[in-house]
Amino acid sequence: MTNHVAHPLTEAAAPGRRPAPDVEAWRLRRLVDAGFPLPLAGELAATPGIDLHALLGLLDRGCPPELAARILAPLDGERP
């Protein structure tokens, strides 16, 4: 099971803005540690509106990383 420890810098990014560099780096580490491939983890870590905890929760339930990312991706035309 993935250890979901809250980080003090996990405030939601403003819509349309990338997370702060330190937050993005922390998100990237969490996703890679959980088993996401580096390119996908990098994209998800930099995308505003992606719920990191929901991604990790899907992995904990046995969902493959690529499918978890697709499930939580914004619909076409929607802004995160």
N, C-alpha and C. Protein backbone atom coordinates (compact mmCIF):
# COMPACT_ATOMS: atom_id res chain seq x y z
N MET A 1 0.84 -1.18 0.00
CA MET A 1 0.00 0.00 0.00
C MET A 1 0.89 1.24 0.00
N THR A 2 0.48 2.25 -0.72
CA THR A 2 1.23 3.49 -0.80
C THR A 2 0.99 4.30 0.46
N ASN A 3 2.06 4.86 1.01
CA ASN A 3 1.96 5.68 2.20
C ASN A 3 1.57 7.09 1.78
N HIS A 4 0.39 7.54 2.16
CA HIS A 4 -0.13 8.86 1.78
C HIS A 4 0.10 9.84 2.91
N VAL A 5 1.26 10.44 2.95
CA VAL A 5 1.57 11.43 3.96
C VAL A 5 1.37 12.80 3.35
N ALA A 6 0.58 13.62 4.00
CA ALA A 6 0.33 14.96 3.48
C ALA A 6 1.61 15.78 3.54
N HIS A 7 1.77 16.65 2.58
CA HIS A 7 2.93 17.52 2.50
C HIS A 7 2.45 18.94 2.73
N PRO A 8 3.21 19.77 3.42
CA PRO A 8 2.75 21.12 3.73
C PRO A 8 2.57 22.01 2.51
N LEU A 9 3.11 21.62 1.37
CA LEU A 9 3.02 22.47 0.18
C LEU A 9 2.04 21.92 -0.85
N THR A 10 0.99 21.24 -0.39
CA THR A 10 0.07 20.60 -1.34
C THR A 10 -1.17 21.43 -1.63
N GLU A 11 -1.10 22.72 -1.38
CA GLU A 11 -2.25 23.55 -1.70
C GLU A 11 -2.51 23.46 -3.19
N ALA A 12 -3.78 23.48 -3.54
CA ALA A 12 -4.15 23.36 -4.96
C ALA A 12 -3.61 24.55 -5.74
N ALA A 13 -3.10 24.28 -6.90
CA ALA A 13 -2.62 25.35 -7.77
C ALA A 13 -3.82 26.08 -8.35
N ALA A 14 -3.64 27.36 -8.63
CA ALA A 14 -4.70 28.12 -9.26
C ALA A 14 -4.98 27.53 -10.64
N PRO A 15 -6.23 27.55 -11.09
CA PRO A 15 -6.55 26.99 -12.40
C PRO A 15 -5.67 27.58 -13.49
N GLY A 16 -5.13 26.70 -14.34
CA GLY A 16 -4.31 27.15 -15.44
C GLY A 16 -2.87 27.45 -15.11
N ARG A 17 -2.49 27.35 -13.85
CA ARG A 17 -1.11 27.63 -13.44
C ARG A 17 -0.44 26.36 -12.99
N ARG A 18 0.83 26.21 -13.36
CA ARG A 18 1.61 25.07 -12.90
C ARG A 18 1.86 25.21 -11.41
N PRO A 19 2.00 24.08 -10.72
CA PRO A 19 2.37 24.15 -9.31
C PRO A 19 3.75 24.79 -9.16
N ALA A 20 4.02 25.32 -7.97
CA ALA A 20 5.33 25.88 -7.67
C ALA A 20 6.38 24.79 -7.89
N PRO A 21 7.60 25.16 -8.26
CA PRO A 21 8.63 24.15 -8.55
C PRO A 21 8.87 23.14 -7.43
N ASP A 22 8.86 23.59 -6.18
CA ASP A 22 9.08 22.63 -5.09
C ASP A 22 7.90 21.68 -4.93
N VAL A 23 6.70 22.17 -5.16
CA VAL A 23 5.51 21.32 -5.09
C VAL A 23 5.52 20.33 -6.25
N GLU A 24 5.86 20.82 -7.43
CA GLU A 24 5.93 19.94 -8.60
C GLU A 24 6.97 18.84 -8.40
N ALA A 25 8.12 19.18 -7.83
CA ALA A 25 9.17 18.19 -7.57
C ALA A 25 8.69 17.16 -6.55
N TRP A 26 7.98 17.60 -5.52
CA TRP A 26 7.46 16.68 -4.51
C TRP A 26 6.43 15.75 -5.14
N ARG A 27 5.53 16.31 -5.96
CA ARG A 27 4.51 15.48 -6.63
C ARG A 27 5.17 14.46 -7.54
N LEU A 28 6.20 14.87 -8.27
CA LEU A 28 6.92 13.96 -9.17
C LEU A 28 7.52 12.81 -8.38
N ARG A 29 8.19 13.11 -7.27
CA ARG A 29 8.78 12.04 -6.44
C ARG A 29 7.71 11.08 -5.94
N ARG A 30 6.60 11.59 -5.49
CA ARG A 30 5.52 10.73 -4.97
C ARG A 30 4.99 9.80 -6.06
N LEU A 31 4.80 10.34 -7.26
CA LEU A 31 4.26 9.54 -8.36
C LEU A 31 5.26 8.48 -8.83
N VAL A 32 6.51 8.85 -8.96
CA VAL A 32 7.54 7.88 -9.37
C VAL A 32 7.68 6.80 -8.30
N ASP A 33 7.71 7.19 -7.04
CA ASP A 33 7.81 6.21 -5.94
C ASP A 33 6.63 5.25 -5.93
N ALA A 34 5.47 5.73 -6.39
CA ALA A 34 4.26 4.90 -6.41
C ALA A 34 4.23 3.95 -7.60
N GLY A 35 5.11 4.19 -8.61
CA GLY A 35 5.15 3.28 -9.74
C GLY A 35 4.79 3.89 -11.08
N PHE A 36 4.55 5.19 -11.14
CA PHE A 36 4.26 5.83 -12.41
C PHE A 36 5.55 5.93 -13.22
N PRO A 37 5.50 5.67 -14.53
CA PRO A 37 6.68 5.88 -15.37
C PRO A 37 7.07 7.36 -15.34
N LEU A 38 8.36 7.63 -15.40
CA LEU A 38 8.86 9.00 -15.26
C LEU A 38 8.19 10.00 -16.22
N PRO A 39 8.05 9.71 -17.51
CA PRO A 39 7.42 10.71 -18.39
C PRO A 39 5.97 11.03 -17.98
N LEU A 40 5.21 10.02 -17.63
CA LEU A 40 3.83 10.23 -17.20
C LEU A 40 3.79 10.95 -15.86
N ALA A 41 4.66 10.57 -14.95
CA ALA A 41 4.72 11.23 -13.64
C ALA A 41 5.05 12.71 -13.80
N GLY A 42 5.99 13.03 -14.69
CA GLY A 42 6.35 14.42 -14.92
C GLY A 42 5.19 15.24 -15.46
N GLU A 43 4.46 14.65 -16.39
CA GLU A 43 3.30 15.35 -16.96
C GLU A 43 2.23 15.57 -15.90
N LEU A 44 1.94 14.54 -15.13
CA LEU A 44 0.91 14.66 -14.09
C LEU A 44 1.32 15.63 -12.98
N ALA A 45 2.59 15.60 -12.60
CA ALA A 45 3.07 16.47 -11.53
C ALA A 45 2.95 17.94 -11.92
N ALA A 46 3.10 18.24 -13.21
CA ALA A 46 3.07 19.62 -13.68
C ALA A 46 1.68 20.10 -14.07
N THR A 47 0.70 19.19 -14.11
CA THR A 47 -0.64 19.57 -14.56
C THR A 47 -1.49 20.06 -13.40
N PRO A 48 -1.94 21.31 -13.47
CA PRO A 48 -2.82 21.80 -12.40
C PRO A 48 -4.15 21.06 -12.42
N GLY A 49 -4.69 20.85 -11.26
CA GLY A 49 -6.00 20.22 -11.15
C GLY A 49 -5.97 18.71 -11.07
N ILE A 50 -4.81 18.08 -11.24
CA ILE A 50 -4.71 16.63 -11.11
C ILE A 50 -4.62 16.29 -9.63
N ASP A 51 -5.52 15.46 -9.16
CA ASP A 51 -5.58 15.09 -7.74
C ASP A 51 -4.60 13.96 -7.47
N LEU A 52 -3.47 14.31 -6.87
CA LEU A 52 -2.42 13.34 -6.57
C LEU A 52 -2.94 12.22 -5.67
N HIS A 53 -3.70 12.56 -4.66
CA HIS A 53 -4.19 11.55 -3.73
C HIS A 53 -5.17 10.59 -4.40
N ALA A 54 -5.97 11.11 -5.32
CA ALA A 54 -6.88 10.22 -6.06
C ALA A 54 -6.10 9.26 -6.96
N LEU A 55 -5.04 9.77 -7.60
CA LEU A 55 -4.19 8.89 -8.42
C LEU A 55 -3.59 7.77 -7.57
N LEU A 56 -3.04 8.13 -6.43
CA LEU A 56 -2.43 7.13 -5.55
C LEU A 56 -3.46 6.17 -5.00
N GLY A 57 -4.65 6.65 -4.75
CA GLY A 57 -5.73 5.79 -4.27
C GLY A 57 -6.12 4.75 -5.31
N LEU A 58 -6.17 5.16 -6.58
CA LEU A 58 -6.48 4.20 -7.64
C LEU A 58 -5.39 3.14 -7.74
N LEU A 59 -4.13 3.54 -7.61
CA LEU A 59 -3.03 2.57 -7.63
C LEU A 59 -3.15 1.59 -6.47
N ASP A 60 -3.51 2.10 -5.31
CA ASP A 60 -3.67 1.23 -4.14
C ASP A 60 -4.75 0.18 -4.37
N ARG A 61 -5.70 0.50 -5.23
CA ARG A 61 -6.80 -0.44 -5.53
C ARG A 61 -6.48 -1.35 -6.71
N GLY A 62 -5.23 -1.27 -7.22
CA GLY A 62 -4.80 -2.16 -8.27
C GLY A 62 -4.89 -1.61 -9.68
N CYS A 63 -5.21 -0.35 -9.82
CA CYS A 63 -5.33 0.26 -11.15
C CYS A 63 -3.93 0.54 -11.70
N PRO A 64 -3.67 0.20 -12.95
CA PRO A 64 -2.38 0.53 -13.56
C PRO A 64 -2.21 2.06 -13.67
N PRO A 65 -0.98 2.56 -13.57
CA PRO A 65 -0.76 4.01 -13.61
C PRO A 65 -1.35 4.71 -14.83
N GLU A 66 -1.19 4.12 -16.00
CA GLU A 66 -1.69 4.76 -17.21
C GLU A 66 -3.22 4.89 -17.19
N LEU A 67 -3.89 3.86 -16.68
CA LEU A 67 -5.35 3.91 -16.60
C LEU A 67 -5.79 4.91 -15.54
N ALA A 68 -5.11 4.96 -14.42
CA ALA A 68 -5.44 5.93 -13.37
C ALA A 68 -5.35 7.35 -13.93
N ALA A 69 -4.30 7.62 -14.71
CA ALA A 69 -4.14 8.95 -15.31
C ALA A 69 -5.29 9.25 -16.28
N ARG A 70 -5.70 8.26 -17.05
CA ARG A 70 -6.81 8.47 -17.99
C ARG A 70 -8.12 8.70 -17.25
N ILE A 71 -8.34 7.97 -16.18
CA ILE A 71 -9.58 8.12 -15.41
C ILE A 71 -9.70 9.52 -14.85
N LEU A 72 -8.60 10.08 -14.36
CA LEU A 72 -8.65 11.39 -13.71
C LEU A 72 -8.32 12.55 -14.63
N ALA A 73 -8.09 12.28 -15.91
CA ALA A 73 -7.79 13.36 -16.86
C ALA A 73 -9.03 14.20 -17.08
N PRO A 74 -8.83 15.52 -17.26
CA PRO A 74 -9.98 16.37 -17.58
C PRO A 74 -10.59 15.95 -18.91
N LEU A 75 -11.89 16.14 -19.05
CA LEU A 75 -12.55 15.85 -20.31
C LEU A 75 -12.05 16.82 -21.38
N ASP A 76 -12.11 16.41 -22.63
CA ASP A 76 -11.69 17.28 -23.72
C ASP A 76 -12.41 18.61 -23.61
N GLY A 77 -11.65 19.68 -23.72
CA GLY A 77 -12.23 21.02 -23.67
C GLY A 77 -12.40 21.56 -22.27
N GLU A 78 -12.26 20.72 -21.25
CA GLU A 78 -12.39 21.20 -19.88
C GLU A 78 -11.06 21.74 -19.41
N ARG A 79 -11.09 22.77 -18.64
CA ARG A 79 -9.88 23.29 -18.02
C ARG A 79 -9.76 22.66 -16.65
N PRO A 80 -8.56 22.26 -16.26
CA PRO A 80 -8.38 21.68 -14.92
C PRO A 80 -8.66 22.69 -13.83
